Amino acid sequence: MDNNVNETVSVNDETVTSQTTTQETQPANDTKMKFCKHCGAKIPEDAVICTHCGRQVEAIAQTVGSQPQIVINNTNDNSNTNTNVNANVNTAASGVALLRAKPKNKWVALVLCIFLGWLGVHRFYEGKIGTGILYLCTMGLFGIGVIVDFILILLKPNPYYVKVKVG
């Protein structure tokens, strides 16, 4: 857009008229512009990041079918070197008894403790023969052992595991 301005100046009783033309400055490369949605400044239309405020204006477009560049640097070359040292242990030859855990039902042990605890039946159920005989002879350790066992059985998970000798 051109703006013409006429000036009339008197110099030594002479009138001089000059015409000045002004033009609005436009970008030299005629690129399309858009406004930043954060700061409102004019930025090139293809800009992803605002040149004034530095914030991201548009999502970064990926080409169709291209995979993102992911680098996995896994240099773990550890290998398992554990060996089973207890694989062929003969209990008779070594003289040491092995222990194995047997699952027991909590509710069965609790019912046996309530009704036949003074006879030690819940101890026999668990495979603890020695304390079962002790409970049988002392009427459940005079009732105190039965109460203690009742509370301990209540606190156990179901099923719980009891160690028994193998061999």
N, C-alpha and C. Protein backbone atom coordinates (compact mmCIF):
# COMPACT_ATOMS: atom_id res chain seq x y z
N MET A 1 0.85 -1.16 0.00
CA MET A 1 0.00 0.00 0.00
C MET A 1 0.90 1.23 0.00
N ASP A 2 0.64 2.11 -0.91
CA ASP A 2 1.45 3.32 -1.02
C ASP A 2 0.69 4.48 -0.39
N ASN A 3 1.40 5.32 0.35
CA ASN A 3 0.85 6.55 0.91
C ASN A 3 1.64 7.73 0.33
N ASN A 4 0.93 8.62 -0.33
CA ASN A 4 1.59 9.80 -0.90
C ASN A 4 1.36 10.98 0.04
N VAL A 5 2.45 11.67 0.36
CA VAL A 5 2.36 12.83 1.24
C VAL A 5 2.93 14.03 0.47
N ASN A 6 2.12 15.08 0.37
CA ASN A 6 2.57 16.32 -0.29
C ASN A 6 2.98 17.31 0.78
N GLU A 7 4.17 17.92 0.60
CA GLU A 7 4.65 18.93 1.53
C GLU A 7 4.88 20.23 0.77
N THR A 8 4.48 21.28 1.39
CA THR A 8 4.73 22.59 0.80
C THR A 8 5.55 23.38 1.79
N VAL A 9 6.71 23.84 1.35
CA VAL A 9 7.64 24.55 2.22
C VAL A 9 8.02 25.87 1.54
N SER A 10 8.09 26.94 2.32
CA SER A 10 8.51 28.24 1.79
C SER A 10 9.94 28.48 2.18
N VAL A 11 10.79 28.68 1.17
CA VAL A 11 12.18 28.97 1.42
C VAL A 11 12.52 30.22 0.60
N ASN A 12 12.93 31.30 1.27
CA ASN A 12 13.29 32.57 0.65
C ASN A 12 12.22 33.04 -0.34
N ASP A 13 11.05 33.10 0.06
CA ASP A 13 9.88 33.50 -0.71
C ASP A 13 9.65 32.62 -1.93
N GLU A 14 10.18 31.47 -1.92
CA GLU A 14 9.88 30.51 -2.99
C GLU A 14 9.10 29.36 -2.37
N THR A 15 8.16 28.89 -3.07
CA THR A 15 7.37 27.78 -2.59
C THR A 15 7.86 26.52 -3.29
N VAL A 16 8.22 25.56 -2.45
CA VAL A 16 8.72 24.30 -2.99
C VAL A 16 7.77 23.21 -2.53
N THR A 17 7.33 22.47 -3.48
CA THR A 17 6.43 21.36 -3.16
C THR A 17 7.18 20.06 -3.42
N SER A 18 7.18 19.22 -2.39
CA SER A 18 7.84 17.91 -2.57
C SER A 18 6.83 16.80 -2.29
N GLN A 19 6.99 15.75 -2.99
CA GLN A 19 6.09 14.61 -2.82
C GLN A 19 6.91 13.43 -2.31
N THR A 20 6.44 12.88 -1.20
CA THR A 20 7.13 11.74 -0.59
C THR A 20 6.20 10.53 -0.62
N THR A 21 6.75 9.44 -1.04
CA THR A 21 5.97 8.20 -1.08
C THR A 21 6.50 7.27 0.00
N THR A 22 5.58 6.79 0.83
CA THR A 22 5.98 5.83 1.87
C THR A 22 5.30 4.49 1.62
N GLN A 23 5.98 3.43 1.94
CA GLN A 23 5.43 2.09 1.76
C GLN A 23 5.55 1.34 3.08
N GLU A 24 4.55 0.49 3.36
CA GLU A 24 4.62 -0.36 4.56
C GLU A 24 5.63 -1.47 4.29
N THR A 25 6.41 -1.76 5.30
CA THR A 25 7.42 -2.81 5.11
C THR A 25 6.76 -4.17 5.21
N GLN A 26 7.09 -5.02 4.28
CA GLN A 26 6.59 -6.39 4.28
C GLN A 26 7.77 -7.33 4.24
N PRO A 27 7.58 -8.55 4.65
CA PRO A 27 8.70 -9.50 4.61
C PRO A 27 9.22 -9.63 3.19
N ALA A 28 10.50 -9.75 3.12
CA ALA A 28 11.14 -9.78 1.80
C ALA A 28 10.87 -11.09 1.08
N ASN A 29 10.67 -12.18 1.82
CA ASN A 29 10.57 -13.47 1.15
C ASN A 29 9.12 -13.92 0.95
N ASP A 30 8.14 -13.08 1.26
CA ASP A 30 6.73 -13.37 1.05
C ASP A 30 6.30 -14.73 1.60
N THR A 31 6.77 -15.10 2.81
CA THR A 31 6.32 -16.34 3.43
C THR A 31 5.01 -16.09 4.15
N LYS A 32 4.23 -17.13 4.22
CA LYS A 32 2.96 -17.01 4.93
C LYS A 32 3.23 -17.01 6.42
N MET A 33 2.46 -16.22 7.14
CA MET A 33 2.68 -16.05 8.57
C MET A 33 1.45 -16.52 9.34
N LYS A 34 1.67 -16.84 10.59
CA LYS A 34 0.58 -17.18 11.49
C LYS A 34 0.91 -16.57 12.84
N PHE A 35 -0.04 -16.64 13.78
CA PHE A 35 0.15 -16.06 15.10
C PHE A 35 0.41 -17.17 16.12
N CYS A 36 1.31 -16.90 17.04
CA CYS A 36 1.58 -17.84 18.13
C CYS A 36 0.38 -17.87 19.06
N LYS A 37 -0.06 -19.04 19.43
CA LYS A 37 -1.24 -19.13 20.30
C LYS A 37 -0.91 -18.83 21.76
N HIS A 38 0.36 -18.66 22.08
CA HIS A 38 0.76 -18.35 23.46
C HIS A 38 1.05 -16.87 23.65
N CYS A 39 1.87 -16.28 22.75
CA CYS A 39 2.27 -14.88 22.93
C CYS A 39 1.66 -13.94 21.89
N GLY A 40 1.07 -14.49 20.82
CA GLY A 40 0.43 -13.67 19.81
C GLY A 40 1.35 -13.06 18.77
N ALA A 41 2.63 -13.38 18.80
CA ALA A 41 3.58 -12.83 17.84
C ALA A 41 3.42 -13.52 16.49
N LYS A 42 3.82 -12.79 15.42
CA LYS A 42 3.78 -13.37 14.08
C LYS A 42 4.98 -14.27 13.90
N ILE A 43 4.70 -15.49 13.46
CA ILE A 43 5.76 -16.46 13.21
C ILE A 43 5.50 -17.11 11.86
N PRO A 44 6.51 -17.73 11.25
CA PRO A 44 6.28 -18.42 9.97
C PRO A 44 5.25 -19.54 10.13
N GLU A 45 4.50 -19.78 9.06
CA GLU A 45 3.40 -20.73 9.12
C GLU A 45 3.88 -22.16 9.39
N ASP A 46 5.06 -22.52 8.95
CA ASP A 46 5.54 -23.88 9.14
C ASP A 46 6.32 -24.05 10.44
N ALA A 47 6.36 -23.04 11.31
CA ALA A 47 7.10 -23.12 12.56
C ALA A 47 6.36 -24.01 13.55
N VAL A 48 7.11 -24.83 14.24
CA VAL A 48 6.55 -25.70 15.27
C VAL A 48 6.76 -25.06 16.64
N ILE A 49 7.85 -24.30 16.79
CA ILE A 49 8.17 -23.61 18.03
C ILE A 49 8.20 -22.12 17.75
N CYS A 50 7.57 -21.36 18.62
CA CYS A 50 7.51 -19.90 18.44
C CYS A 50 8.91 -19.31 18.54
N THR A 51 9.23 -18.43 17.59
CA THR A 51 10.56 -17.80 17.58
C THR A 51 10.68 -16.69 18.62
N HIS A 52 9.55 -16.27 19.20
CA HIS A 52 9.58 -15.19 20.19
C HIS A 52 9.55 -15.73 21.62
N CYS A 53 8.57 -16.59 21.91
CA CYS A 53 8.44 -17.07 23.29
C CYS A 53 9.08 -18.44 23.51
N GLY A 54 9.37 -19.18 22.45
CA GLY A 54 10.05 -20.46 22.57
C GLY A 54 9.15 -21.62 22.94
N ARG A 55 7.84 -21.42 22.96
CA ARG A 55 6.93 -22.50 23.32
C ARG A 55 6.47 -23.25 22.07
N GLN A 56 6.08 -24.49 22.27
CA GLN A 56 5.66 -25.33 21.15
C GLN A 56 4.28 -24.91 20.69
N VAL A 57 4.14 -24.66 19.39
CA VAL A 57 2.88 -24.17 18.83
C VAL A 57 2.07 -25.33 18.27
N GLU A 58 2.72 -26.30 17.65
CA GLU A 58 2.04 -27.42 17.02
C GLU A 58 2.73 -28.72 17.41
N ALA A 59 2.00 -29.80 17.25
CA ALA A 59 2.59 -31.11 17.51
C ALA A 59 3.61 -31.42 16.42
N ILE A 60 4.65 -32.11 16.80
CA ILE A 60 5.68 -32.49 15.84
C ILE A 60 5.15 -33.64 15.01
N ALA A 61 5.07 -33.43 13.72
CA ALA A 61 4.50 -34.43 12.83
C ALA A 61 5.55 -35.47 12.48
N GLN A 62 5.09 -36.74 12.50
CA GLN A 62 5.97 -37.82 12.06
C GLN A 62 5.50 -38.28 10.69
N THR A 63 6.41 -38.74 9.92
CA THR A 63 6.04 -39.23 8.61
C THR A 63 5.30 -40.55 8.78
N VAL A 64 4.41 -40.82 7.88
CA VAL A 64 3.58 -42.01 7.96
C VAL A 64 4.44 -43.26 7.82
N GLY A 65 4.27 -44.19 8.73
CA GLY A 65 4.98 -45.46 8.67
C GLY A 65 6.37 -45.43 9.27
N SER A 66 6.81 -44.28 9.75
CA SER A 66 8.16 -44.24 10.31
C SER A 66 8.12 -44.65 11.78
N GLN A 67 9.15 -45.29 12.22
CA GLN A 67 9.28 -45.73 13.59
C GLN A 67 10.10 -44.72 14.37
N PRO A 68 9.78 -44.49 15.65
CA PRO A 68 10.62 -43.59 16.44
C PRO A 68 11.99 -44.21 16.67
N GLN A 69 12.98 -43.38 16.81
CA GLN A 69 14.34 -43.85 17.01
C GLN A 69 14.52 -44.22 18.48
N ILE A 70 14.61 -45.52 18.77
CA ILE A 70 14.80 -46.03 20.12
C ILE A 70 16.09 -46.83 20.15
N VAL A 71 16.94 -46.50 21.09
CA VAL A 71 18.20 -47.21 21.22
C VAL A 71 18.17 -47.98 22.53
N ILE A 72 18.32 -49.29 22.46
CA ILE A 72 18.37 -50.12 23.65
C ILE A 72 19.79 -50.63 23.77
N ASN A 73 20.41 -50.25 24.87
CA ASN A 73 21.79 -50.66 25.10
C ASN A 73 21.81 -51.62 26.27
N ASN A 74 21.53 -52.87 26.02
CA ASN A 74 21.51 -53.87 27.07
C ASN A 74 22.72 -54.77 26.89
N THR A 75 23.68 -54.58 27.75
CA THR A 75 24.90 -55.37 27.64
C THR A 75 25.01 -56.37 28.78
N ASN A 76 23.88 -56.84 29.28
CA ASN A 76 23.87 -57.81 30.37
C ASN A 76 24.26 -59.17 29.81
N ASP A 77 25.43 -59.64 30.17
CA ASP A 77 25.88 -60.94 29.71
C ASP A 77 26.06 -61.91 30.88
N ASN A 78 25.34 -61.65 31.98
CA ASN A 78 25.42 -62.54 33.13
C ASN A 78 24.72 -63.86 32.81
N SER A 79 25.27 -64.92 33.30
CA SER A 79 24.63 -66.21 33.13
C SER A 79 24.51 -66.88 34.49
N ASN A 80 23.50 -67.70 34.65
CA ASN A 80 23.25 -68.37 35.91
C ASN A 80 24.23 -69.53 36.07
N THR A 81 25.01 -69.48 37.12
CA THR A 81 26.00 -70.54 37.36
C THR A 81 25.70 -71.32 38.64
N ASN A 82 24.47 -71.17 39.17
CA ASN A 82 24.11 -71.88 40.39
C ASN A 82 23.97 -73.37 40.11
N THR A 83 24.41 -74.17 41.06
CA THR A 83 24.26 -75.62 40.95
C THR A 83 23.52 -76.12 42.18
N ASN A 84 22.81 -77.21 42.03
CA ASN A 84 22.06 -77.78 43.15
C ASN A 84 22.98 -78.70 43.94
N VAL A 85 23.41 -78.24 45.10
CA VAL A 85 24.33 -79.05 45.91
C VAL A 85 23.61 -80.12 46.69
N ASN A 86 22.30 -80.00 46.83
CA ASN A 86 21.54 -80.99 47.59
C ASN A 86 20.84 -81.99 46.69
N ALA A 87 21.28 -82.14 45.45
CA ALA A 87 20.56 -82.97 44.50
C ALA A 87 20.58 -84.45 44.87
N ASN A 88 21.72 -84.98 45.23
CA ASN A 88 21.81 -86.42 45.48
C ASN A 88 22.32 -86.71 46.89
N VAL A 89 21.69 -86.12 47.87
CA VAL A 89 22.10 -86.35 49.25
C VAL A 89 21.34 -87.56 49.77
N ASN A 90 22.08 -88.54 50.24
CA ASN A 90 21.46 -89.75 50.80
C ASN A 90 21.39 -89.56 52.32
N THR A 91 20.17 -89.59 52.87
CA THR A 91 20.01 -89.33 54.30
C THR A 91 20.62 -90.44 55.15
N ALA A 92 20.57 -91.66 54.70
CA ALA A 92 21.13 -92.76 55.49
C ALA A 92 22.65 -92.68 55.52
N ALA A 93 23.26 -92.28 54.41
CA ALA A 93 24.71 -92.23 54.35
C ALA A 93 25.26 -91.04 55.13
N SER A 94 24.56 -89.91 55.07
CA SER A 94 25.08 -88.73 55.75
C SER A 94 24.69 -88.68 57.21
N GLY A 95 23.65 -89.39 57.62
CA GLY A 95 23.22 -89.40 59.00
C GLY A 95 22.43 -88.15 59.39
N VAL A 96 22.09 -87.29 58.43
CA VAL A 96 21.34 -86.07 58.71
C VAL A 96 19.96 -86.23 58.10
N ALA A 97 18.94 -85.98 58.89
CA ALA A 97 17.57 -86.08 58.38
C ALA A 97 17.20 -84.77 57.67
N LEU A 98 16.58 -84.90 56.51
CA LEU A 98 16.15 -83.72 55.76
C LEU A 98 14.76 -83.30 56.24
N LEU A 99 14.47 -82.03 56.13
CA LEU A 99 13.17 -81.51 56.52
C LEU A 99 12.39 -81.12 55.27
N ARG A 100 11.10 -81.38 55.31
CA ARG A 100 10.21 -81.02 54.21
C ARG A 100 8.96 -80.38 54.82
N ALA A 101 8.40 -79.39 54.19
CA ALA A 101 7.22 -78.71 54.71
C ALA A 101 5.97 -79.35 54.12
N LYS A 102 5.01 -79.69 55.01
CA LYS A 102 3.73 -80.25 54.58
C LYS A 102 2.63 -79.22 54.84
N PRO A 103 1.76 -79.00 53.88
CA PRO A 103 0.66 -78.04 54.11
C PRO A 103 -0.39 -78.63 55.05
N LYS A 104 -0.86 -77.79 55.96
CA LYS A 104 -1.92 -78.17 56.89
C LYS A 104 -3.03 -77.13 56.82
N ASN A 105 -4.28 -77.58 56.99
CA ASN A 105 -5.43 -76.70 56.95
C ASN A 105 -5.62 -76.06 58.32
N LYS A 106 -5.69 -74.76 58.34
CA LYS A 106 -5.83 -74.01 59.58
C LYS A 106 -7.13 -74.35 60.31
N TRP A 107 -8.21 -74.50 59.59
CA TRP A 107 -9.52 -74.69 60.22
C TRP A 107 -9.65 -76.09 60.82
N VAL A 108 -9.04 -77.08 60.19
CA VAL A 108 -9.05 -78.43 60.76
C VAL A 108 -8.29 -78.44 62.08
N ALA A 109 -7.12 -77.80 62.09
CA ALA A 109 -6.31 -77.74 63.31
C ALA A 109 -7.04 -76.96 64.40
N LEU A 110 -7.77 -75.92 64.04
CA LEU A 110 -8.48 -75.12 65.03
C LEU A 110 -9.63 -75.90 65.66
N VAL A 111 -10.38 -76.65 64.85
CA VAL A 111 -11.49 -77.47 65.39
C VAL A 111 -10.93 -78.57 66.29
N LEU A 112 -9.84 -79.21 65.87
CA LEU A 112 -9.23 -80.24 66.72
C LEU A 112 -8.73 -79.64 68.04
N CYS A 113 -8.19 -78.43 67.99
CA CYS A 113 -7.69 -77.77 69.20
C CYS A 113 -8.83 -77.43 70.15
N ILE A 114 -9.97 -76.99 69.61
CA ILE A 114 -11.11 -76.61 70.46
C ILE A 114 -11.70 -77.82 71.16
N PHE A 115 -11.97 -78.89 70.40
CA PHE A 115 -12.70 -80.02 70.98
C PHE A 115 -11.80 -81.07 71.60
N LEU A 116 -10.63 -81.32 71.02
CA LEU A 116 -9.75 -82.38 71.53
C LEU A 116 -8.36 -81.87 71.87
N GLY A 117 -8.25 -80.59 72.17
CA GLY A 117 -6.95 -80.00 72.47
C GLY A 117 -6.35 -80.54 73.75
N TRP A 118 -7.17 -80.87 74.74
CA TRP A 118 -6.66 -81.39 76.01
C TRP A 118 -6.05 -82.77 75.84
N LEU A 119 -6.37 -83.46 74.68
CA LEU A 119 -5.74 -84.74 74.36
C LEU A 119 -4.54 -84.57 73.43
N GLY A 120 -4.33 -83.38 72.91
CA GLY A 120 -3.20 -83.11 72.03
C GLY A 120 -3.40 -83.58 70.60
N VAL A 121 -4.65 -83.80 70.19
CA VAL A 121 -4.94 -84.32 68.84
C VAL A 121 -4.47 -83.33 67.76
N HIS A 122 -4.60 -82.03 68.00
CA HIS A 122 -4.15 -81.04 67.00
C HIS A 122 -2.64 -81.11 66.82
N ARG A 123 -1.89 -81.51 67.87
CA ARG A 123 -0.44 -81.66 67.75
C ARG A 123 -0.10 -82.91 66.94
N PHE A 124 -0.86 -83.98 67.11
CA PHE A 124 -0.66 -85.18 66.30
C PHE A 124 -0.98 -84.88 64.83
N TYR A 125 -2.03 -84.07 64.58
CA TYR A 125 -2.40 -83.68 63.21
C TYR A 125 -1.25 -82.95 62.53
N GLU A 126 -0.53 -82.13 63.25
CA GLU A 126 0.59 -81.38 62.68
C GLU A 126 1.84 -82.23 62.52
N GLY A 127 1.83 -83.43 63.05
CA GLY A 127 2.99 -84.31 62.95
C GLY A 127 3.96 -84.13 64.09
N LYS A 128 3.58 -83.45 65.14
CA LYS A 128 4.42 -83.22 66.31
C LYS A 128 4.05 -84.24 67.38
N ILE A 129 4.60 -85.44 67.24
CA ILE A 129 4.22 -86.57 68.08
C ILE A 129 4.66 -86.35 69.53
N GLY A 130 5.84 -85.83 69.75
CA GLY A 130 6.37 -85.63 71.10
C GLY A 130 5.50 -84.71 71.93
N THR A 131 5.13 -83.55 71.38
CA THR A 131 4.28 -82.63 72.14
C THR A 131 2.86 -83.14 72.21
N GLY A 132 2.44 -83.97 71.25
CA GLY A 132 1.12 -84.59 71.32
C GLY A 132 1.02 -85.53 72.52
N ILE A 133 2.07 -86.32 72.75
CA ILE A 133 2.09 -87.22 73.92
C ILE A 133 2.16 -86.41 75.21
N LEU A 134 2.92 -85.32 75.22
CA LEU A 134 3.00 -84.45 76.39
C LEU A 134 1.63 -83.85 76.72
N TYR A 135 0.90 -83.38 75.72
CA TYR A 135 -0.44 -82.82 75.93
C TYR A 135 -1.39 -83.93 76.42
N LEU A 136 -1.23 -85.14 75.91
CA LEU A 136 -2.09 -86.26 76.31
C LEU A 136 -1.89 -86.59 77.79
N CYS A 137 -0.64 -86.55 78.24
CA CYS A 137 -0.34 -86.91 79.64
C CYS A 137 -0.66 -85.78 80.62
N THR A 138 -0.63 -84.54 80.19
CA THR A 138 -0.81 -83.41 81.11
C THR A 138 -2.12 -82.67 80.88
N MET A 139 -3.02 -83.25 80.10
CA MET A 139 -4.31 -82.66 79.75
C MET A 139 -4.12 -81.27 79.12
N GLY A 140 -3.29 -81.23 78.09
CA GLY A 140 -3.06 -80.00 77.33
C GLY A 140 -2.24 -79.00 78.09
N LEU A 141 -1.19 -79.50 78.78
CA LEU A 141 -0.34 -78.65 79.62
C LEU A 141 -1.20 -77.85 80.60
N PHE A 142 -2.11 -78.61 81.24
CA PHE A 142 -3.02 -78.08 82.26
C PHE A 142 -3.93 -76.98 81.70
N GLY A 143 -4.26 -77.07 80.42
CA GLY A 143 -5.17 -76.13 79.77
C GLY A 143 -4.49 -74.90 79.21
N ILE A 144 -3.32 -74.57 79.72
CA ILE A 144 -2.63 -73.36 79.25
C ILE A 144 -2.10 -73.57 77.83
N GLY A 145 -1.55 -74.74 77.56
CA GLY A 145 -1.02 -75.03 76.22
C GLY A 145 -2.09 -75.01 75.16
N VAL A 146 -3.30 -75.47 75.52
CA VAL A 146 -4.41 -75.49 74.55
C VAL A 146 -4.81 -74.05 74.20
N ILE A 147 -4.87 -73.16 75.21
CA ILE A 147 -5.23 -71.76 74.95
C ILE A 147 -4.17 -71.07 74.09
N VAL A 148 -2.91 -71.32 74.40
CA VAL A 148 -1.82 -70.73 73.60
C VAL A 148 -1.87 -71.25 72.17
N ASP A 149 -2.06 -72.56 71.99
CA ASP A 149 -2.13 -73.13 70.64
C ASP A 149 -3.33 -72.61 69.87
N PHE A 150 -4.48 -72.40 70.57
CA PHE A 150 -5.67 -71.87 69.92
C PHE A 150 -5.38 -70.49 69.33
N ILE A 151 -4.73 -69.63 70.10
CA ILE A 151 -4.40 -68.27 69.62
C ILE A 151 -3.40 -68.34 68.48
N LEU A 152 -2.38 -69.20 68.61
CA LEU A 152 -1.37 -69.30 67.55
C LEU A 152 -1.96 -69.84 66.25
N ILE A 153 -2.87 -70.80 66.34
CA ILE A 153 -3.49 -71.35 65.12
C ILE A 153 -4.37 -70.29 64.46
N LEU A 154 -5.05 -69.47 65.27
CA LEU A 154 -5.88 -68.40 64.70
C LEU A 154 -5.04 -67.40 63.91
N LEU A 155 -3.82 -67.16 64.33
CA LEU A 155 -2.96 -66.17 63.68
C LEU A 155 -2.24 -66.70 62.45
N LYS A 156 -2.31 -67.99 62.19
CA LYS A 156 -1.61 -68.59 61.05
C LYS A 156 -2.41 -68.39 59.77
N PRO A 157 -1.72 -68.36 58.62
CA PRO A 157 -2.44 -68.28 57.34
C PRO A 157 -3.01 -69.65 56.98
N ASN A 158 -3.91 -69.67 56.01
CA ASN A 158 -4.46 -70.95 55.56
C ASN A 158 -4.09 -71.17 54.11
N PRO A 159 -3.42 -72.21 53.74
CA PRO A 159 -2.85 -73.26 54.57
C PRO A 159 -1.53 -72.80 55.17
N TYR A 160 -1.15 -73.39 56.26
CA TYR A 160 0.16 -73.13 56.85
C TYR A 160 0.99 -74.39 56.68
N TYR A 161 2.30 -74.23 56.81
CA TYR A 161 3.20 -75.35 56.52
C TYR A 161 3.94 -75.76 57.78
N VAL A 162 4.04 -77.09 57.97
CA VAL A 162 4.71 -77.66 59.14
C VAL A 162 5.88 -78.48 58.62
N LYS A 163 7.05 -78.29 59.24
CA LYS A 163 8.24 -79.05 58.83
C LYS A 163 8.18 -80.43 59.44
N VAL A 164 8.40 -81.43 58.59
CA VAL A 164 8.46 -82.84 59.02
C VAL A 164 9.73 -83.46 58.52
N LYS A 165 10.24 -84.42 59.27
CA LYS A 165 11.46 -85.11 58.88
C LYS A 165 11.16 -86.10 57.77
N VAL A 166 12.08 -86.17 56.84
CA VAL A 166 11.97 -87.12 55.73
C VAL A 166 13.09 -88.15 55.92
N GLY A 167 12.69 -89.43 55.94
CA GLY A 167 13.69 -90.50 56.02
C GLY A 167 13.94 -91.07 57.36
